PDB file of N, CA and C in Angstrom:
ATOM      1  N   MET A   1     -26.776  19.076   1.968  1.00  0.00           N
ATOM      2  CA  MET A   1     -26.342  17.960   1.140  1.00  0.00           C
ATOM      3  C   MET A   1     -27.548  17.343   0.456  1.00  0.00           C
ATOM      4  N   SER A   2     -27.340  16.954  -0.774  1.00  0.00           N
ATOM      5  CA  SER A   2     -28.426  16.269  -1.469  1.00  0.00           C
ATOM      6  C   SER A   2     -28.561  14.854  -0.906  1.00  0.00           C
ATOM      7  N   GLY A   3     -29.654  14.198  -1.248  1.00  0.00           N
ATOM      8  CA  GLY A   3     -29.878  12.842  -0.758  1.00  0.00           C
ATOM      9  C   GLY A   3     -28.774  11.882  -1.165  1.00  0.00           C
ATOM     10  N   GLY A   4     -28.319  11.991  -2.417  1.00  0.00           N
ATOM     11  CA  GLY A   4     -27.250  11.120  -2.896  1.00  0.00           C
ATOM     12  C   GLY A   4     -25.938  11.383  -2.175  1.00  0.00           C
ATOM     13  N   THR A   5     -25.646  12.666  -1.937  1.00  0.00           N
ATOM     14  CA  THR A   5     -24.418  13.026  -1.232  1.00  0.00           C
ATOM     15  C   THR A   5     -24.483  12.539   0.212  1.00  0.00           C
ATOM     16  N   GLN A   6     -25.625  12.707   0.850  1.00  0.00           N
ATOM     17  CA  GLN A   6     -25.784  12.243   2.226  1.00  0.00           C
ATOM     18  C   GLN A   6     -25.617  10.738   2.308  1.00  0.00           C
ATOM     19  N   SER A   7     -26.176  10.034   1.346  1.00  0.00           N
ATOM     20  CA  SER A   7     -26.059   8.578   1.308  1.00  0.00           C
ATOM     21  C   SER A   7     -24.597   8.164   1.162  1.00  0.00           C
ATOM     22  N   LEU A   8     -23.886   8.845   0.280  1.00  0.00           N
ATOM     23  CA  LEU A   8     -22.466   8.562   0.078  1.00  0.00           C
ATOM     24  C   LEU A   8     -21.675   8.851   1.345  1.00  0.00           C
ATOM     25  N   PHE A   9     -21.997   9.959   2.007  1.00  0.00           N
ATOM     26  CA  PHE A   9     -21.348  10.317   3.264  1.00  0.00           C
ATOM     27  C   PHE A   9     -21.585   9.245   4.327  1.00  0.00           C
ATOM     28  N   ASP A  10     -22.809   8.783   4.434  1.00  0.00           N
ATOM     29  CA  ASP A  10     -23.138   7.737   5.403  1.00  0.00           C
ATOM     30  C   ASP A  10     -22.359   6.449   5.111  1.00  0.00           C
ATOM     31  N   GLU A  11     -22.229   6.119   3.829  1.00  0.00           N
ATOM     32  CA  GLU A  11     -21.442   4.939   3.453  1.00  0.00           C
ATOM     33  C   GLU A  11     -19.982   5.127   3.840  1.00  0.00           C
ATOM     34  N   ALA A  12     -19.459   6.325   3.622  1.00  0.00           N
ATOM     35  CA  ALA A  12     -18.062   6.606   3.967  1.00  0.00           C
ATOM     36  C   ALA A  12     -17.837   6.466   5.472  1.00  0.00           C
ATOM     37  N   LEU A  13     -18.801   6.915   6.260  1.00  0.00           N
ATOM     38  CA  LEU A  13     -18.672   6.797   7.718  1.00  0.00           C
ATOM     39  C   LEU A  13     -18.649   5.343   8.175  1.00  0.00           C
ATOM     40  N   ALA A  14     -19.220   4.462   7.393  1.00  0.00           N
ATOM     41  CA  ALA A  14     -19.249   3.042   7.757  1.00  0.00           C
ATOM     42  C   ALA A  14     -17.945   2.325   7.403  1.00  0.00           C
ATOM     43  N   LEU A  15     -17.060   2.990   6.662  1.00  0.00           N
ATOM     44  CA  LEU A  15     -15.790   2.365   6.286  1.00  0.00           C
ATOM     45  C   LEU A  15     -14.887   2.199   7.505  1.00  0.00           C
ATOM     46  N   PRO A  16     -13.971   1.245   7.452  1.00  0.00           N
ATOM     47  CA  PRO A  16     -12.968   1.137   8.521  1.00  0.00           C
ATOM     48  C   PRO A  16     -12.119   2.420   8.563  1.00  0.00           C
ATOM     49  N   PRO A  17     -11.550   2.746   9.699  1.00  0.00           N
ATOM     50  CA  PRO A  17     -10.789   3.992   9.839  1.00  0.00           C
ATOM     51  C   PRO A  17      -9.694   4.184   8.794  1.00  0.00           C
ATOM     52  N   VAL A  18      -8.973   3.150   8.465  1.00  0.00           N
ATOM     53  CA  VAL A  18      -7.880   3.290   7.494  1.00  0.00           C
ATOM     54  C   VAL A  18      -8.427   3.667   6.122  1.00  0.00           C
ATOM     55  N   GLU A  19      -9.545   3.072   5.733  1.00  0.00           N
ATOM     56  CA  GLU A  19     -10.141   3.399   4.439  1.00  0.00           C
ATOM     57  C   GLU A  19     -10.721   4.814   4.440  1.00  0.00           C
ATOM     58  N   ARG A  20     -11.301   5.243   5.562  1.00  0.00           N
ATOM     59  CA  ARG A  20     -11.810   6.618   5.657  1.00  0.00           C
ATOM     60  C   ARG A  20     -10.659   7.607   5.518  1.00  0.00           C
ATOM     61  N   ALA A  21      -9.528   7.302   6.160  1.00  0.00           N
ATOM     62  CA  ALA A  21      -8.364   8.188   6.068  1.00  0.00           C
ATOM     63  C   ALA A  21      -7.868   8.282   4.630  1.00  0.00           C
ATOM     64  N   ALA A  22      -7.848   7.165   3.915  1.00  0.00           N
ATOM     65  CA  ALA A  22      -7.421   7.180   2.515  1.00  0.00           C
ATOM     66  C   ALA A  22      -8.377   8.025   1.680  1.00  0.00           C
ATOM     67  N   LEU A  23      -9.661   7.920   1.945  1.00  0.00           N
ATOM     68  CA  LEU A  23     -10.656   8.708   1.228  1.00  0.00           C
ATOM     69  C   LEU A  23     -10.478  10.195   1.530  1.00  0.00           C
ATOM     70  N   ILE A  24     -10.257  10.516   2.783  1.00  0.00           N
ATOM     71  CA  ILE A  24     -10.043  11.913   3.179  1.00  0.00           C
ATOM     72  C   ILE A  24      -8.840  12.498   2.452  1.00  0.00           C
ATOM     73  N   GLU A  25      -7.813  11.717   2.299  1.00  0.00           N
ATOM     74  CA  GLU A  25      -6.614  12.177   1.616  1.00  0.00           C
ATOM     75  C   GLU A  25      -6.841  12.298   0.108  1.00  0.00           C
ATOM     76  N   ALA A  26      -7.603  11.393  -0.461  1.00  0.00           N
ATOM     77  CA  ALA A  26      -7.787  11.366  -1.914  1.00  0.00           C
ATOM     78  C   ALA A  26      -8.727  12.466  -2.419  1.00  0.00           C
ATOM     79  N   LEU A  27      -9.748  12.808  -1.647  1.00  0.00           N
ATOM     80  CA  LEU A  27     -10.718  13.795  -2.138  1.00  0.00           C
ATOM     81  C   LEU A  27     -10.104  15.163  -2.436  1.00  0.00           C
ATOM     82  N   PRO A  28      -9.378  15.785  -1.518  1.00  0.00           N
ATOM     83  CA  PRO A  28      -8.789  17.089  -1.854  1.00  0.00           C
ATOM     84  C   PRO A  28      -7.794  16.993  -3.016  1.00  0.00           C
ATOM     85  N   ALA A  29      -7.058  15.903  -3.088  1.00  0.00           N
ATOM     86  CA  ALA A  29      -6.092  15.729  -4.177  1.00  0.00           C
ATOM     87  C   ALA A  29      -6.790  15.637  -5.528  1.00  0.00           C
ATOM     88  N   SER A  30      -8.046  15.209  -5.533  1.00  0.00           N
ATOM     89  CA  SER A  30      -8.766  15.081  -6.800  1.00  0.00           C
ATOM     90  C   SER A  30      -9.064  16.446  -7.437  1.00  0.00           C
ATOM     91  N   PHE A  31      -9.029  17.520  -6.658  1.00  0.00           N
ATOM     92  CA  PHE A  31      -9.271  18.852  -7.202  1.00  0.00           C
ATOM     93  C   PHE A  31      -8.080  19.365  -7.986  1.00  0.00           C
ATOM     94  N   ASP A  32      -6.880  19.111  -7.483  1.00  0.00           N
ATOM     95  CA  ASP A  32      -5.665  19.578  -8.150  1.00  0.00           C
ATOM     96  C   ASP A  32      -4.526  18.629  -7.809  1.00  0.00           C
ATOM     97  N   PRO A  33      -4.336  17.590  -8.629  1.00  0.00           N
ATOM     98  CA  PRO A  33      -3.299  16.588  -8.331  1.00  0.00           C
ATOM     99  C   PRO A  33      -1.902  17.181  -8.204  1.00  0.00           C
ATOM    100  N   ASN A  34      -1.617  18.263  -8.914  1.00  0.00           N
ATOM    101  CA  ASN A  34      -0.286  18.868  -8.835  1.00  0.00           C
ATOM    102  C   ASN A  34      -0.010  19.493  -7.477  1.00  0.00           C
ATOM    103  N   ARG A  35      -1.079  19.839  -6.771  1.00  0.00           N
ATOM    104  CA  ARG A  35      -0.927  20.435  -5.441  1.00  0.00           C
ATOM    105  C   ARG A  35      -0.305  19.462  -4.455  1.00  0.00           C
ATOM    106  N   ARG A  36      -0.445  18.157  -4.704  1.00  0.00           N
ATOM    107  CA  ARG A  36       0.059  17.134  -3.797  1.00  0.00           C
ATOM    108  C   ARG A  36       1.570  16.928  -3.918  1.00  0.00           C
ATOM    109  N   ARG A  37       2.143  17.313  -5.037  1.00  0.00           N
ATOM    110  CA  ARG A  37       3.555  17.016  -5.273  1.00  0.00           C
ATOM    111  C   ARG A  37       4.481  17.526  -4.176  1.00  0.00           C
ATOM    112  N   PRO A  38       4.379  18.804  -3.760  1.00  0.00           N
ATOM    113  CA  PRO A  38       5.278  19.263  -2.689  1.00  0.00           C
ATOM    114  C   PRO A  38       5.082  18.485  -1.382  1.00  0.00           C
ATOM    115  N   VAL A  39       3.838  18.182  -1.075  1.00  0.00           N
ATOM    116  CA  VAL A  39       3.551  17.421   0.146  1.00  0.00           C
ATOM    117  C   VAL A  39       4.141  16.014   0.037  1.00  0.00           C
ATOM    118  N   ASP A  40       3.964  15.390  -1.122  1.00  0.00           N
ATOM    119  CA  ASP A  40       4.523  14.051  -1.325  1.00  0.00           C
ATOM    120  C   ASP A  40       6.040  14.060  -1.202  1.00  0.00           C
ATOM    121  N   ARG A  41       6.685  15.100  -1.748  1.00  0.00           N
ATOM    122  CA  ARG A  41       8.150  15.203  -1.624  1.00  0.00           C
ATOM    123  C   ARG A  41       8.564  15.347  -0.164  1.00  0.00           C
ATOM    124  N   GLN A  42       7.838  16.182   0.576  1.00  0.00           N
ATOM    125  CA  GLN A  42       8.159  16.376   1.993  1.00  0.00           C
ATOM    126  C   GLN A  42       7.981  15.075   2.774  1.00  0.00           C
ATOM    127  N   TRP A  43       6.919  14.329   2.469  1.00  0.00           N
ATOM    128  CA  TRP A  43       6.705  13.051   3.142  1.00  0.00           C
ATOM    129  C   TRP A  43       7.806  12.061   2.801  1.00  0.00           C
ATOM    130  N   ALA A  44       8.287  12.089   1.563  1.00  0.00           N
ATOM    131  CA  ALA A  44       9.382  11.192   1.173  1.00  0.00           C
ATOM    132  C   ALA A  44      10.637  11.502   1.988  1.00  0.00           C
ATOM    133  N   VAL A  45      10.948  12.772   2.151  1.00  0.00           N
ATOM    134  CA  VAL A  45      12.119  13.173   2.949  1.00  0.00           C
ATOM    135  C   VAL A  45      11.925  12.755   4.401  1.00  0.00           C
ATOM    136  N   GLU A  46      10.754  13.035   4.954  1.00  0.00           N
ATOM    137  CA  GLU A  46      10.473  12.677   6.354  1.00  0.00           C
ATOM    138  C   GLU A  46      10.507  11.172   6.560  1.00  0.00           C
ATOM    139  N   SER A  47       9.954  10.432   5.619  1.00  0.00           N
ATOM    140  CA  SER A  47       9.962   8.969   5.726  1.00  0.00           C
ATOM    141  C   SER A  47      11.386   8.437   5.753  1.00  0.00           C
ATOM    142  N   LYS A  48      12.235   8.993   4.893  1.00  0.00           N
ATOM    143  CA  LYS A  48      13.645   8.565   4.858  1.00  0.00           C
ATOM    144  C   LYS A  48      14.327   8.869   6.180  1.00  0.00           C
ATOM    145  N   LYS A  49      14.089  10.049   6.744  1.00  0.00           N
ATOM    146  CA  LYS A  49      14.676  10.415   8.045  1.00  0.00           C
ATOM    147  C   LYS A  49      14.245   9.415   9.130  1.00  0.00           C
ATOM    148  N   ARG A  50      12.952   9.096   9.136  1.00  0.00           N
ATOM    149  CA  ARG A  50      12.439   8.178  10.159  1.00  0.00           C
ATOM    150  C   ARG A  50      12.989   6.773   9.977  1.00  0.00           C
ATOM    151  N   LEU A  51      13.081   6.320   8.743  1.00  0.00           N
ATOM    152  CA  LEU A  51      13.636   5.002   8.470  1.00  0.00           C
ATOM    153  C   LEU A  51      15.100   4.942   8.889  1.00  0.00           C
ATOM    154  N   ASP A  52      15.863   5.974   8.554  1.00  0.00           N
ATOM    155  CA  ASP A  52      17.278   6.022   8.955  1.00  0.00           C
ATOM    156  C   ASP A  52      17.414   6.036  10.471  1.00  0.00           C
ATOM    157  N   ALA A  53      16.582   6.805  11.168  1.00  0.00           N
ATOM    158  CA  ALA A  53      16.623   6.853  12.633  1.00  0.00           C
ATOM    159  C   ALA A  53      16.283   5.493  13.222  1.00  0.00           C
ATOM    160  N   CYS A  54      15.319   4.812  12.626  1.00  0.00           N
ATOM    161  CA  CYS A  54      14.946   3.477  13.090  1.00  0.00           C
ATOM    162  C   CYS A  54      16.114   2.503  12.883  1.00  0.00           C
ATOM    163  N   ASP A  55      16.762   2.588  11.725  1.00  0.00           N
ATOM    164  CA  ASP A  55      17.904   1.710  11.434  1.00  0.00           C
ATOM    165  C   ASP A  55      19.064   1.957  12.402  1.00  0.00           C
ATOM    166  N   ARG A  56      19.211   3.199  12.848  1.00  0.00           N
ATOM    167  CA  ARG A  56      20.278   3.524  13.808  1.00  0.00           C
ATOM    168  C   ARG A  56      19.881   3.190  15.246  1.00  0.00           C
ATOM    169  N   GLY A  57      18.658   2.744  15.449  1.00  0.00           N
ATOM    170  CA  GLY A  57      18.181   2.413  16.788  1.00  0.00           C
ATOM    171  C   GLY A  57      17.746   3.619  17.588  1.00  0.00           C
ATOM    172  N   GLU A  58      17.518   4.733  16.941  1.00  0.00           N
ATOM    173  CA  GLU A  58      17.127   5.972  17.616  1.00  0.00           C
ATOM    174  C   GLU A  58      15.614   6.129  17.723  1.00  0.00           C
ATOM    175  N   MET A  59      14.879   5.220  17.086  1.00  0.00           N
ATOM    176  CA  MET A  59      13.420   5.317  17.071  1.00  0.00           C
ATOM    177  C   MET A  59      12.836   3.914  17.216  1.00  0.00           C
ATOM    178  N   ASN A  60      11.836   3.802  18.021  1.00  0.00           N
ATOM    179  CA  ASN A  60      11.162   2.513  18.162  1.00  0.00           C
ATOM    180  C   ASN A  60      10.048   2.401  17.135  1.00  0.00           C
ATOM    181  N   ALA A  61       9.795   1.191  16.701  1.00  0.00           N
ATOM    182  CA  ALA A  61       8.718   0.959  15.738  1.00  0.00           C
ATOM    183  C   ALA A  61       7.847  -0.190  16.240  1.00  0.00           C
ATOM    184  N   ARG A  62       6.613  -0.188  15.769  1.00  0.00           N
ATOM    185  CA  ARG A  62       5.683  -1.275  16.088  1.00  0.00           C
ATOM    186  C   ARG A  62       5.362  -2.026  14.813  1.00  0.00           C
ATOM    187  N   PRO A  63       5.105  -3.305  14.929  1.00  0.00           N
ATOM    188  CA  PRO A  63       4.690  -4.060  13.741  1.00  0.00           C
ATOM    189  C   PRO A  63       3.377  -3.501  13.193  1.00  0.00           C
ATOM    190  N   LEU A  64       3.255  -3.481  11.885  1.00  0.00           N
ATOM    191  CA  LEU A  64       2.062  -2.956  11.227  1.00  0.00           C
ATOM    192  C   LEU A  64       0.798  -3.627  11.749  1.00  0.00           C
ATOM    193  N   GLU A  65       0.864  -4.932  11.948  1.00  0.00           N
ATOM    194  CA  GLU A  65      -0.321  -5.662  12.406  1.00  0.00           C
ATOM    195  C   GLU A  65      -0.822  -5.120  13.742  1.00  0.00           C
ATOM    196  N   ASP A  66       0.106  -4.765  14.636  1.00  0.00           N
ATOM    197  CA  ASP A  66      -0.293  -4.214  15.935  1.00  0.00           C
ATOM    198  C   ASP A  66      -0.981  -2.861  15.773  1.00  0.00           C
ATOM    199  N   VAL A  67      -0.434  -2.031  14.910  1.00  0.00           N
ATOM    200  CA  VAL A  67      -0.997  -0.701  14.688  1.00  0.00           C
ATOM    201  C   VAL A  67      -2.390  -0.801  14.065  1.00  0.00           C
ATOM    202  N   VAL A  68      -2.533  -1.669  13.070  1.00  0.00           N
ATOM    203  CA  VAL A  68      -3.847  -1.839  12.426  1.00  0.00           C
ATOM    204  C   VAL A  68      -4.857  -2.350  13.437  1.00  0.00           C
ATOM    205  N   ARG A  69      -4.452  -3.286  14.288  1.00  0.00           N
ATOM    206  CA  ARG A  69      -5.350  -3.809  15.322  1.00  0.00           C
ATOM    207  C   ARG A  69      -5.808  -2.679  16.251  1.00  0.00           C
ATOM    208  N   MET A  70      -4.872  -1.814  16.638  1.00  0.00           N
ATOM    209  CA  MET A  70      -5.222  -0.679  17.518  1.00  0.00           C
ATOM    210  C   MET A  70      -6.226   0.251  16.828  1.00  0.00           C
ATOM    211  N   ILE A  71      -6.003   0.528  15.547  1.00  0.00           N
ATOM    212  CA  ILE A  71      -6.900   1.423  14.809  1.00  0.00           C
ATOM    213  C   ILE A  71      -8.295   0.813  14.702  1.00  0.00           C
ATOM    214  N   LYS A  72      -8.364  -0.455  14.426  1.00  0.00           N
ATOM    215  CA  LYS A  72      -9.678  -1.103  14.274  1.00  0.00           C
ATOM    216  C   LYS A  72     -10.460  -1.119  15.578  1.00  0.00           C
ATOM    217  N   ARG A  73      -9.777  -1.138  16.707  1.00  0.00           N
ATOM    218  CA  ARG A  73     -10.465  -1.146  17.997  1.00  0.00           C
ATOM    219  C   ARG A  73     -11.079   0.211  18.317  1.00  0.00           C
ATOM    220  N   GLN A  74     -10.561   1.264  17.706  1.00  0.00           N
ATOM    221  CA  GLN A  74     -11.041   2.626  18.036  1.00  0.00           C
ATOM    222  C   GLN A  74     -12.319   2.958  17.360  1.00  0.00           C
TER     223      GLN A  74
END
């Protein structure tokens, strides 16, 4: 890695976990945005299934604040 790339990498490692995850997801998509479409469609279907299961009481959910707190502690 060049010095600039290493510096950028070090900065990325200092980000909170949620921001690092967003960066990890965004970088590969930047090479070919069309490649993400099938994955995005699959996530939309899966999200709907999970939301419907939650509405039917078949799945437990945690408040977002609790999940973010857990991630920040790690």
